[in-house]
Amino acid sequence: MRLFIGLPLPQGAREAAFSRAAALQALLPGRYGPKENYHITLAFLGEVPSERVAAAEDVARRCAARFPAPHVTLGAPDHFAREGREDRAVLILRAQSDPPLRPLHDALVEALRAAALPAQAEPFAPHVTLARHADAHSLSKADVRPLGVAFTASRLCLYESARDAEGALRYTPLAFWPFSSPDGATVCNI
């Protein structure tokens, strides 16, 4: 199973991101994903045998219990691309949070490795992926104002990444765990 741990986006944030993606699509052609796939990846595991999924769930549960729920703001469209390959870019919305997501990412990677599970450590740049294989040459002509949508991420999610019958990537939530509140109690507004 191909797994990752991330933050699900609430419905309103997904809709706003999808609306911005639709507006960008005419100017920046690419393979735009469905809004149901929108999330912020915190730790990418890759291939994990099904008998090790429980260990990944335990890591996510323990890390969620150690961290407060982050307040996330979706920012401006941007892209990731290899040098000279702006025609095959990953089109994203940047994400900022308070508290920052880096310590949670680092804790997840460390705990996954301690549990003998795979975990990609770098690079870590919180974002929502809108499209792959996008032509980002015209991004400077696009609406690059920050989306400005904010939400409190109340839970972590373990996702499975798999292709559907048509070959499209689908991210299926397998399990959720609430974050702790600042006073150490559990946040349960799911």
C-alpha atoms as a PDB file:
ATOM      1  CA  MET A   1       0.000   0.000   0.000  1.00  0.00           C
ATOM      2  CA  ARG A   2       1.228   3.486  -0.836  1.00  0.00           C
ATOM      3  CA  LEU A   3       0.687   5.673   2.251  1.00  0.00           C
ATOM      4  CA  PHE A   4       1.094   9.205   3.516  1.00  0.00           C
ATOM      5  CA  ILE A   5       0.022  11.212   6.567  1.00  0.00           C
ATOM      6  CA  GLY A   6      -1.579  14.588   6.068  1.00  0.00           C
ATOM      7  CA  LEU A   7      -4.094  17.221   7.024  1.00  0.00           C
ATOM      8  CA  PRO A   8      -7.510  16.958   5.389  1.00  0.00           C
ATOM      9  CA  LEU A   9      -9.057  20.200   4.187  1.00  0.00           C
ATOM     10  CA  PRO A  10     -12.554  21.083   5.382  1.00  0.00           C
ATOM     11  CA  GLN A  11     -15.251  21.404   2.718  1.00  0.00           C
ATOM     12  CA  GLY A  12     -15.094  25.225   2.475  1.00  0.00           C
ATOM     13  CA  ALA A  13     -11.319  25.242   1.992  1.00  0.00           C
ATOM     14  CA  ARG A  14     -11.561  22.480  -0.627  1.00  0.00           C
ATOM     15  CA  GLU A  15     -14.230  24.421  -2.534  1.00  0.00           C
ATOM     16  CA  ALA A  16     -12.195  27.652  -2.468  1.00  0.00           C
ATOM     17  CA  ALA A  17      -9.044  25.852  -3.649  1.00  0.00           C
ATOM     18  CA  PHE A  18     -11.023  24.108  -6.397  1.00  0.00           C
ATOM     19  CA  SER A  19     -12.469  27.425  -7.551  1.00  0.00           C
ATOM     20  CA  ARG A  20      -8.966  28.910  -7.804  1.00  0.00           C
ATOM     21  CA  ALA A  21      -7.754  25.801  -9.669  1.00  0.00           C
ATOM     22  CA  ALA A  22     -10.603  26.136 -12.173  1.00  0.00           C
ATOM     23  CA  ALA A  23      -9.658  29.780 -12.764  1.00  0.00           C
ATOM     24  CA  LEU A  24      -6.000  28.843 -13.334  1.00  0.00           C
ATOM     25  CA  GLN A  25      -6.674  25.886 -15.609  1.00  0.00           C
ATOM     26  CA  ALA A  26      -7.279  27.860 -18.821  1.00  0.00           C
ATOM     27  CA  LEU A  27      -4.016  29.789 -18.445  1.00  0.00           C
ATOM     28  CA  LEU A  28      -1.937  26.955 -16.978  1.00  0.00           C
ATOM     29  CA  PRO A  29      -2.885  23.653 -18.638  1.00  0.00           C
ATOM     30  CA  GLY A  30      -2.037  20.465 -16.784  1.00  0.00           C
ATOM     31  CA  ARG A  31      -3.491  17.436 -15.020  1.00  0.00           C
ATOM     32  CA  TYR A  32      -5.736  18.946 -12.380  1.00  0.00           C
ATOM     33  CA  GLY A  33      -6.795  16.628  -9.576  1.00  0.00           C
ATOM     34  CA  PRO A  34     -10.233  16.276  -8.011  1.00  0.00           C
ATOM     35  CA  LYS A  35     -10.995  18.445  -4.999  1.00  0.00           C
ATOM     36  CA  GLU A  36     -11.580  15.281  -2.947  1.00  0.00           C
ATOM     37  CA  ASN A  37      -7.805  14.712  -3.124  1.00  0.00           C
ATOM     38  CA  TYR A  38      -6.911  18.102  -1.620  1.00  0.00           C
ATOM     39  CA  HIS A  39      -4.852  17.809   1.568  1.00  0.00           C
ATOM     40  CA  ILE A  40      -1.524  18.941   3.046  1.00  0.00           C
ATOM     41  CA  THR A  41       1.061  16.160   3.173  1.00  0.00           C
ATOM     42  CA  LEU A  42       3.045  16.008   6.408  1.00  0.00           C
ATOM     43  CA  ALA A  43       4.914  12.717   5.930  1.00  0.00           C
ATOM     44  CA  PHE A  44       5.188  10.556   2.829  1.00  0.00           C
ATOM     45  CA  LEU A  45       5.795   6.879   3.526  1.00  0.00           C
ATOM     46  CA  GLY A  46       5.539   5.339   0.064  1.00  0.00           C
ATOM     47  CA  GLU A  47       5.055   1.582  -0.193  1.00  0.00           C
ATOM     48  CA  VAL A  48       4.194  -0.086   3.112  1.00  0.00           C
ATOM     49  CA  PRO A  49       3.207  -3.764   3.470  1.00  0.00           C
ATOM     50  CA  SER A  50      -0.399  -4.119   4.670  1.00  0.00           C
ATOM     51  CA  GLU A  51       0.767  -5.842   7.856  1.00  0.00           C
ATOM     52  CA  ARG A  52       2.689  -2.654   8.807  1.00  0.00           C
ATOM     53  CA  VAL A  53      -0.272  -0.265   8.435  1.00  0.00           C
ATOM     54  CA  ALA A  54      -1.086  -0.619  12.150  1.00  0.00           C
ATOM     55  CA  ALA A  55       2.424   0.627  12.996  1.00  0.00           C
ATOM     56  CA  ALA A  56       1.897   3.700  10.774  1.00  0.00           C
ATOM     57  CA  GLU A  57      -1.463   4.308  12.454  1.00  0.00           C
ATOM     58  CA  ASP A  58       0.187   4.129  15.878  1.00  0.00           C
ATOM     59  CA  VAL A  59       2.804   6.714  14.871  1.00  0.00           C
ATOM     60  CA  ALA A  60       0.129   9.105  13.562  1.00  0.00           C
ATOM     61  CA  ARG A  61      -2.036   8.646  16.666  1.00  0.00           C
ATOM     62  CA  ARG A  62       0.862   9.317  19.048  1.00  0.00           C
ATOM     63  CA  CYS A  63       2.077  12.376  17.122  1.00  0.00           C
ATOM     64  CA  ALA A  64      -1.424  13.860  16.869  1.00  0.00           C
ATOM     65  CA  ALA A  65      -1.797  13.528  20.643  1.00  0.00           C
ATOM     66  CA  ARG A  66       1.456  15.470  21.193  1.00  0.00           C
ATOM     67  CA  PHE A  67       0.638  18.505  19.031  1.00  0.00           C
ATOM     68  CA  PRO A  68      -1.994  21.251  19.182  1.00  0.00           C
ATOM     69  CA  ALA A  69      -4.364  21.705  16.281  1.00  0.00           C
ATOM     70  CA  PRO A  70      -2.671  24.028  13.752  1.00  0.00           C
ATOM     71  CA  HIS A  71      -4.471  27.040  12.311  1.00  0.00           C
ATOM     72  CA  VAL A  72      -3.774  26.853   8.561  1.00  0.00           C
ATOM     73  CA  THR A  73      -4.048  29.603   5.939  1.00  0.00           C
ATOM     74  CA  LEU A  74      -3.988  28.753   2.244  1.00  0.00           C
ATOM     75  CA  GLY A  75      -1.845  31.242   0.384  1.00  0.00           C
ATOM     76  CA  ALA A  76      -0.815  32.086  -3.139  1.00  0.00           C
ATOM     77  CA  PRO A  77      -0.543  29.778  -6.140  1.00  0.00           C
ATOM     78  CA  ASP A  78       3.018  28.725  -6.863  1.00  0.00           C
ATOM     79  CA  HIS A  79       4.800  25.775  -8.410  1.00  0.00           C
ATOM     80  CA  PHE A  80       7.559  23.228  -7.981  1.00  0.00           C
ATOM     81  CA  ALA A  81       9.629  22.431 -11.069  1.00  0.00           C
ATOM     82  CA  ARG A  82      13.035  21.165 -11.990  1.00  0.00           C
ATOM     83  CA  GLU A  83      15.349  23.743 -13.510  1.00  0.00           C
ATOM     84  CA  GLY A  84      14.173  24.495 -17.022  1.00  0.00           C
ATOM     85  CA  ARG A  85      11.080  22.272 -16.733  1.00  0.00           C
ATOM     86  CA  GLU A  86       8.362  24.807 -15.985  1.00  0.00           C
ATOM     87  CA  ASP A  87       6.277  23.017 -18.633  1.00  0.00           C
ATOM     88  CA  ARG A  88       5.960  19.969 -16.310  1.00  0.00           C
ATOM     89  CA  ALA A  89       5.501  21.707 -12.973  1.00  0.00           C
ATOM     90  CA  VAL A  90       3.450  20.830  -9.916  1.00  0.00           C
ATOM     91  CA  LEU A  91       0.981  23.680  -9.395  1.00  0.00           C
ATOM     92  CA  ILE A  92       0.289  24.320  -5.697  1.00  0.00           C
ATOM     93  CA  LEU A  93      -1.269  26.608  -3.127  1.00  0.00           C
ATOM     94  CA  ARG A  94       1.237  27.449  -0.387  1.00  0.00           C
ATOM     95  CA  ALA A  95       0.082  26.831   3.182  1.00  0.00           C
ATOM     96  CA  GLN A  96       1.149  28.593   6.367  1.00  0.00           C
ATOM     97  CA  SER A  97       0.188  27.633   9.879  1.00  0.00           C
ATOM     98  CA  ASP A  98       0.314  28.634  13.501  1.00  0.00           C
ATOM     99  CA  PRO A  99       1.933  26.768  15.099  1.00  0.00           C
ATOM    100  CA  PRO A 100       4.237  25.916  12.174  1.00  0.00           C
ATOM    101  CA  LEU A 101       3.889  22.435  10.657  1.00  0.00           C
ATOM    102  CA  ARG A 102       7.654  21.753  10.479  1.00  0.00           C
ATOM    103  CA  PRO A 103       7.942  20.366  14.056  1.00  0.00           C
ATOM    104  CA  LEU A 104       4.993  18.014  13.425  1.00  0.00           C
ATOM    105  CA  HIS A 105       6.550  16.889  10.132  1.00  0.00           C
ATOM    106  CA  ASP A 106       9.897  16.277  11.839  1.00  0.00           C
ATOM    107  CA  ALA A 107       8.261  14.330  14.695  1.00  0.00           C
ATOM    108  CA  LEU A 108       6.340  12.157  12.233  1.00  0.00           C
ATOM    109  CA  VAL A 109       9.449  11.386  10.162  1.00  0.00           C
ATOM    110  CA  GLU A 110      11.481  10.569  13.284  1.00  0.00           C
ATOM    111  CA  ALA A 111       8.753   8.332  14.745  1.00  0.00           C
ATOM    112  CA  LEU A 112       8.167   6.551  11.421  1.00  0.00           C
ATOM    113  CA  ARG A 113      11.857   5.784  11.084  1.00  0.00           C
ATOM    114  CA  ALA A 114      12.036   4.625  14.712  1.00  0.00           C
ATOM    115  CA  ALA A 115       9.186   2.223  13.889  1.00  0.00           C
ATOM    116  CA  ALA A 116      11.185   0.914  10.894  1.00  0.00           C
ATOM    117  CA  LEU A 117       8.776   2.518   8.442  1.00  0.00           C
ATOM    118  CA  PRO A 118       9.864   4.510   5.381  1.00  0.00           C
ATOM    119  CA  ALA A 119       9.639   8.298   5.594  1.00  0.00           C
ATOM    120  CA  GLN A 120      10.812  11.007   3.217  1.00  0.00           C
ATOM    121  CA  ALA A 121      12.351  13.854   5.253  1.00  0.00           C
ATOM    122  CA  GLU A 122      13.035  16.562   2.660  1.00  0.00           C
ATOM    123  CA  PRO A 123      12.013  18.778   1.130  1.00  0.00           C
ATOM    124  CA  PHE A 124       9.111  19.900   3.307  1.00  0.00           C
ATOM    125  CA  ALA A 125       7.035  22.811   2.028  1.00  0.00           C
ATOM    126  CA  PRO A 126       3.403  22.739   3.221  1.00  0.00           C
ATOM    127  CA  HIS A 127       1.058  23.044   0.256  1.00  0.00           C
ATOM    128  CA  VAL A 128      -2.057  21.791  -1.495  1.00  0.00           C
ATOM    129  CA  THR A 129      -1.398  20.261  -4.916  1.00  0.00           C
ATOM    130  CA  LEU A 130      -3.770  21.576  -7.583  1.00  0.00           C
ATOM    131  CA  ALA A 131      -2.226  20.066 -10.745  1.00  0.00           C
ATOM    132  CA  ARG A 132       0.658  17.959 -11.987  1.00  0.00           C
ATOM    133  CA  HIS A 133       2.441  18.294 -15.322  1.00  0.00           C
ATOM    134  CA  ALA A 134       1.244  21.885 -15.453  1.00  0.00           C
ATOM    135  CA  ASP A 135       2.747  24.486 -17.749  1.00  0.00           C
ATOM    136  CA  ALA A 136       3.753  27.166 -15.243  1.00  0.00           C
ATOM    137  CA  HIS A 137       5.326  29.539 -17.786  1.00  0.00           C
ATOM    138  CA  SER A 138       2.311  31.867 -17.529  1.00  0.00           C
ATOM    139  CA  LEU A 139       1.990  31.783 -13.742  1.00  0.00           C
ATOM    140  CA  SER A 140       3.104  35.418 -13.536  1.00  0.00           C
ATOM    141  CA  LYS A 141       0.037  36.361 -15.622  1.00  0.00           C
ATOM    142  CA  ALA A 142      -2.342  34.391 -13.396  1.00  0.00           C
ATOM    143  CA  ASP A 143      -4.272  35.447 -10.300  1.00  0.00           C
ATOM    144  CA  VAL A 144      -1.580  34.818  -7.715  1.00  0.00           C
ATOM    145  CA  ARG A 145      -3.227  36.638  -4.831  1.00  0.00           C
ATOM    146  CA  PRO A 146      -3.218  34.545  -1.648  1.00  0.00           C
ATOM    147  CA  LEU A 147      -6.361  32.482  -1.345  1.00  0.00           C
ATOM    148  CA  GLY A 148      -6.658  33.694   2.250  1.00  0.00           C
ATOM    149  CA  VAL A 149      -8.834  30.795   3.364  1.00  0.00           C
ATOM    150  CA  ALA A 150      -8.099  29.757   6.946  1.00  0.00           C
ATOM    151  CA  PHE A 151      -9.168  26.793   9.057  1.00  0.00           C
ATOM    152  CA  THR A 152      -8.140  24.873  12.138  1.00  0.00           C
ATOM    153  CA  ALA A 153      -6.982  21.373  11.257  1.00  0.00           C
ATOM    154  CA  SER A 154      -8.488  19.313  14.056  1.00  0.00           C
ATOM    155  CA  ARG A 155      -7.091  15.935  12.992  1.00  0.00           C
ATOM    156  CA  LEU A 156      -4.346  13.995  11.237  1.00  0.00           C
ATOM    157  CA  CYS A 157      -5.216  11.470   8.550  1.00  0.00           C
ATOM    158  CA  LEU A 158      -3.508   8.370   7.191  1.00  0.00           C
ATOM    159  CA  TYR A 159      -4.200   8.175   3.447  1.00  0.00           C
ATOM    160  CA  GLU A 160      -3.752   5.477   0.856  1.00  0.00           C
ATOM    161  CA  SER A 161      -2.722   6.642  -2.614  1.00  0.00           C
ATOM    162  CA  ALA A 162      -3.939   4.343  -5.400  1.00  0.00           C
ATOM    163  CA  ARG A 163      -5.039   4.567  -9.012  1.00  0.00           C
ATOM    164  CA  ASP A 164      -8.706   4.042  -9.821  1.00  0.00           C
ATOM    165  CA  ALA A 165     -10.063   2.019 -12.759  1.00  0.00           C
ATOM    166  CA  GLU A 166      -9.437   4.980 -15.118  1.00  0.00           C
ATOM    167  CA  GLY A 167      -5.849   5.383 -13.910  1.00  0.00           C
ATOM    168  CA  ALA A 168      -6.449   8.576 -11.919  1.00  0.00           C
ATOM    169  CA  LEU A 169      -4.819   8.994  -8.505  1.00  0.00           C
ATOM    170  CA  ARG A 170      -7.243   8.816  -5.588  1.00  0.00           C
ATOM    171  CA  TYR A 171      -6.359   9.502  -1.973  1.00  0.00           C
ATOM    172  CA  THR A 172      -8.493   7.442   0.384  1.00  0.00           C
ATOM    173  CA  PRO A 173      -8.592   8.346   4.097  1.00  0.00           C
ATOM    174  CA  LEU A 174      -7.901   5.215   6.162  1.00  0.00           C
ATOM    175  CA  ALA A 175      -8.035   6.648   9.701  1.00  0.00           C
ATOM    176  CA  PHE A 176      -8.141   9.958  11.596  1.00  0.00           C
ATOM    177  CA  TRP A 177      -6.680  11.097  14.940  1.00  0.00           C
ATOM    178  CA  PRO A 178      -7.511  14.340  16.783  1.00  0.00           C
ATOM    179  CA  PHE A 179      -4.828  16.802  17.817  1.00  0.00           C
ATOM    180  CA  SER A 180      -4.400  17.783  21.441  1.00  0.00           C
ATOM    181  CA  SER A 181      -5.648  21.159  22.578  1.00  0.00           C
ATOM    182  CA  PRO A 182      -3.234  23.749  24.044  1.00  0.00           C
ATOM    183  CA  ASP A 183      -4.168  22.588  27.558  1.00  0.00           C
ATOM    184  CA  GLY A 184      -3.435  18.948  26.706  1.00  0.00           C
ATOM    185  CA  ALA A 185      -7.032  17.820  26.209  1.00  0.00           C
ATOM    186  CA  THR A 186      -8.082  16.216  22.946  1.00  0.00           C
ATOM    187  CA  VAL A 187      -9.710  18.304  20.217  1.00  0.00           C
ATOM    188  CA  CYS A 188     -12.755  16.446  18.875  1.00  0.00           C
ATOM    189  CA  ASN A 189     -14.496  18.871  16.523  1.00  0.00           C
ATOM    190  CA  ILE A 190     -14.354  16.474  13.571  1.00  0.00           C
END
